[in-house]
Structure formats: structure tokens, C-alpha cells
């Protein structure tokens, strides 16, 4: 809550008050959850790239 108020104050003081700029305050806490599918895909053992399949061997 405090971080959101701080973000709002910074944006008002710097003149970034367009709706898209203010939406950053609301969306910032959600971004790590939105990136979760990317992280999970990176942990897969088999990768497909340009129609070819590769196995990622880990020690």
C-alpha cells in the first residue's frame, strides 16, 4: 500500500499523470505472476526451436 502511494506521488511530481502511467502502479505487483509461465517454460528439459527438438541435459 505504501509503495503504491509512493509511486503515485512520484508520478504526480514528475508530471507522469496519463492513464497509462498511472496504470503502472496497479500492474506492478501483478507482473511477477504474469511472467511465471515464461519461467516455467525456461525450466523444461526439452526445447523446440525452429522445428527441431533439443534436450537440455543438466548435471
N, C-alpha and C. Protein backbone atom coordinates (compact mmCIF):
# COMPACT_ATOMS: atom_id res chain seq x y z
N UNK A 1 0.83 -1.19 0.00
CA UNK A 1 0.00 0.00 0.00
C UNK A 1 0.87 1.26 0.00
N UNK A 2 1.88 1.26 0.85
CA UNK A 2 2.76 2.42 0.93
C UNK A 2 3.54 2.61 -0.37
N UNK A 3 3.96 1.51 -0.99
CA UNK A 3 4.68 1.61 -2.26
C UNK A 3 3.79 2.20 -3.35
N UNK A 4 2.53 1.85 -3.33
CA UNK A 4 1.59 2.41 -4.31
C UNK A 4 1.41 3.91 -4.14
N UNK A 5 1.33 4.34 -2.90
CA UNK A 5 1.20 5.78 -2.64
C UNK A 5 2.48 6.51 -3.03
N UNK A 6 3.62 5.89 -2.76
CA UNK A 6 4.89 6.49 -3.15
C UNK A 6 4.99 6.59 -4.68
N UNK A 7 4.58 5.54 -5.37
CA UNK A 7 4.60 5.57 -6.83
C UNK A 7 3.68 6.64 -7.38
N UNK A 8 2.53 6.78 -6.78
CA UNK A 8 1.59 7.83 -7.21
C UNK A 8 2.19 9.22 -6.98
N UNK A 9 2.80 9.42 -5.84
CA UNK A 9 3.41 10.71 -5.53
C UNK A 9 4.54 11.04 -6.51
N UNK A 10 5.37 10.07 -6.83
CA UNK A 10 6.47 10.29 -7.77
C UNK A 10 5.92 10.65 -9.14
N UNK A 11 4.90 9.96 -9.58
CA UNK A 11 4.33 10.25 -10.90
C UNK A 11 3.68 11.62 -10.95
N UNK A 12 3.03 12.02 -9.90
CA UNK A 12 2.41 13.35 -9.87
C UNK A 12 3.49 14.43 -9.87
N UNK A 13 4.53 14.23 -9.08
CA UNK A 13 5.60 15.24 -9.01
C UNK A 13 6.39 15.35 -10.31
N UNK A 14 6.51 14.25 -11.04
CA UNK A 14 7.26 14.28 -12.30
C UNK A 14 6.38 14.57 -13.50
N UNK A 15 5.07 14.70 -13.30
CA UNK A 15 4.18 15.05 -14.39
C UNK A 15 3.72 13.86 -15.22
N UNK A 16 3.95 12.66 -14.75
CA UNK A 16 3.51 11.47 -15.47
C UNK A 16 2.13 11.06 -14.96
N UNK A 17 1.11 11.75 -15.42
CA UNK A 17 -0.24 11.50 -14.90
C UNK A 17 -1.20 10.99 -15.96
N UNK A 18 -0.67 10.54 -17.10
CA UNK A 18 -1.56 9.94 -18.11
C UNK A 18 -2.09 8.62 -17.56
N UNK A 19 -3.21 8.14 -18.05
CA UNK A 19 -3.77 6.88 -17.54
C UNK A 19 -2.81 5.70 -17.67
N UNK A 20 -2.05 5.63 -18.76
CA UNK A 20 -1.10 4.53 -18.92
C UNK A 20 0.00 4.59 -17.86
N UNK A 21 0.43 5.78 -17.50
CA UNK A 21 1.46 5.93 -16.48
C UNK A 21 0.93 5.53 -15.10
N UNK A 22 -0.29 5.91 -14.83
CA UNK A 22 -0.89 5.56 -13.55
C UNK A 22 -1.23 4.07 -13.46
N UNK A 23 -1.47 3.46 -14.59
CA UNK A 23 -1.76 2.02 -14.59
C UNK A 23 -0.55 1.20 -14.15
N UNK A 24 0.65 1.74 -14.31
CA UNK A 24 1.86 1.05 -13.85
C UNK A 24 1.80 0.77 -12.36
N UNK A 25 1.20 1.66 -11.60
CA UNK A 25 1.10 1.49 -10.16
C UNK A 25 0.27 0.26 -9.83
N UNK A 26 -0.80 0.06 -10.55
CA UNK A 26 -1.69 -1.07 -10.29
C UNK A 26 -1.10 -2.37 -10.82
N UNK A 27 -0.45 -2.30 -11.97
CA UNK A 27 0.05 -3.51 -12.62
C UNK A 27 1.38 -4.02 -12.07
N UNK A 28 2.15 -3.18 -11.43
CA UNK A 28 3.48 -3.57 -10.95
C UNK A 28 3.45 -4.81 -10.04
N UNK A 29 2.53 -4.93 -9.08
CA UNK A 29 2.53 -6.13 -8.24
C UNK A 29 2.12 -7.41 -8.98
N UNK A 30 1.45 -7.27 -10.12
CA UNK A 30 0.96 -8.42 -10.87
C UNK A 30 1.99 -8.94 -11.86
N UNK A 31 2.96 -8.14 -12.22
CA UNK A 31 3.92 -8.52 -13.26
C UNK A 31 4.70 -9.79 -12.96
N UNK A 32 5.18 -10.04 -11.74
CA UNK A 32 5.87 -11.32 -11.49
C UNK A 32 4.97 -12.53 -11.74
N UNK A 33 3.69 -12.41 -11.42
CA UNK A 33 2.77 -13.51 -11.68
C UNK A 33 2.54 -13.70 -13.17
N UNK A 34 2.52 -12.61 -13.91
CA UNK A 34 2.34 -12.69 -15.35
C UNK A 34 3.55 -13.33 -16.03
N UNK A 35 4.74 -13.18 -15.44
CA UNK A 35 5.96 -13.75 -16.01
C UNK A 35 6.16 -15.21 -15.62
N UNK A 36 5.36 -15.73 -14.72
CA UNK A 36 5.52 -17.10 -14.24
C UNK A 36 5.49 -18.14 -15.36
N UNK A 37 4.61 -18.07 -16.36
CA UNK A 37 4.67 -19.05 -17.45
C UNK A 37 5.99 -19.04 -18.21
N UNK A 38 6.61 -17.88 -18.33
CA UNK A 38 7.90 -17.79 -19.01
C UNK A 38 8.96 -18.52 -18.20
N UNK A 39 8.95 -18.32 -16.89
CA UNK A 39 9.92 -19.01 -16.02
C UNK A 39 9.73 -20.52 -16.08
N UNK A 40 8.49 -20.96 -16.05
CA UNK A 40 8.22 -22.40 -16.08
C UNK A 40 8.65 -23.01 -17.41
N UNK A 41 8.43 -22.30 -18.48
CA UNK A 41 8.85 -22.81 -19.79
C UNK A 41 10.37 -22.91 -19.89
N UNK A 42 11.07 -21.98 -19.26
CA UNK A 42 12.53 -22.00 -19.29
C UNK A 42 13.10 -23.18 -18.52
N UNK A 43 12.34 -23.73 -17.60
CA UNK A 43 12.82 -24.85 -16.79
C UNK A 43 12.58 -26.21 -17.44
N UNK A 44 11.92 -26.24 -18.59
CA UNK A 44 11.66 -27.52 -19.25
C UNK A 44 12.95 -28.18 -19.70
N UNK A 45 12.94 -29.50 -19.77
CA UNK A 45 14.11 -30.24 -20.18
C UNK A 45 14.23 -30.35 -21.70
N UNK A 46 13.13 -30.35 -22.40
CA UNK A 46 13.14 -30.44 -23.87
C UNK A 46 12.70 -29.11 -24.46
N UNK A 47 13.41 -28.69 -25.48
CA UNK A 47 13.14 -27.39 -26.10
C UNK A 47 12.92 -27.60 -27.59
N UNK A 48 11.93 -26.91 -28.13
CA UNK A 48 11.71 -26.92 -29.57
C UNK A 48 12.10 -25.55 -30.11
N UNK A 49 12.94 -25.58 -31.16
CA UNK A 49 13.37 -24.33 -31.77
C UNK A 49 13.49 -24.55 -33.26
N UNK A 50 12.76 -23.77 -34.02
CA UNK A 50 12.72 -23.86 -35.48
C UNK A 50 12.40 -25.27 -35.95
N UNK A 51 11.46 -25.92 -35.30
CA UNK A 51 11.03 -27.24 -35.71
C UNK A 51 11.93 -28.38 -35.26
N UNK A 52 12.99 -28.08 -34.54
CA UNK A 52 13.89 -29.11 -34.04
C UNK A 52 13.74 -29.22 -32.53
N UNK A 53 13.98 -30.41 -32.02
CA UNK A 53 13.86 -30.66 -30.59
C UNK A 53 15.24 -30.88 -30.00
N UNK A 54 15.48 -30.23 -28.88
CA UNK A 54 16.76 -30.34 -28.19
C UNK A 54 16.51 -30.75 -26.74
N UNK A 55 17.40 -31.55 -26.22
CA UNK A 55 17.32 -31.95 -24.83
C UNK A 55 18.35 -31.16 -24.05
N UNK A 56 17.93 -30.60 -22.95
CA UNK A 56 18.84 -29.84 -22.10
C UNK A 56 19.28 -30.75 -20.96
N UNK A 57 20.46 -31.27 -21.08
CA UNK A 57 20.99 -32.13 -20.02
C UNK A 57 21.56 -31.26 -18.91
N UNK A 58 21.12 -31.54 -17.73
CA UNK A 58 21.61 -30.79 -16.57
C UNK A 58 22.40 -31.74 -15.69
N UNK A 59 23.48 -31.25 -15.12
CA UNK A 59 24.27 -32.11 -14.23
C UNK A 59 23.56 -32.45 -12.95
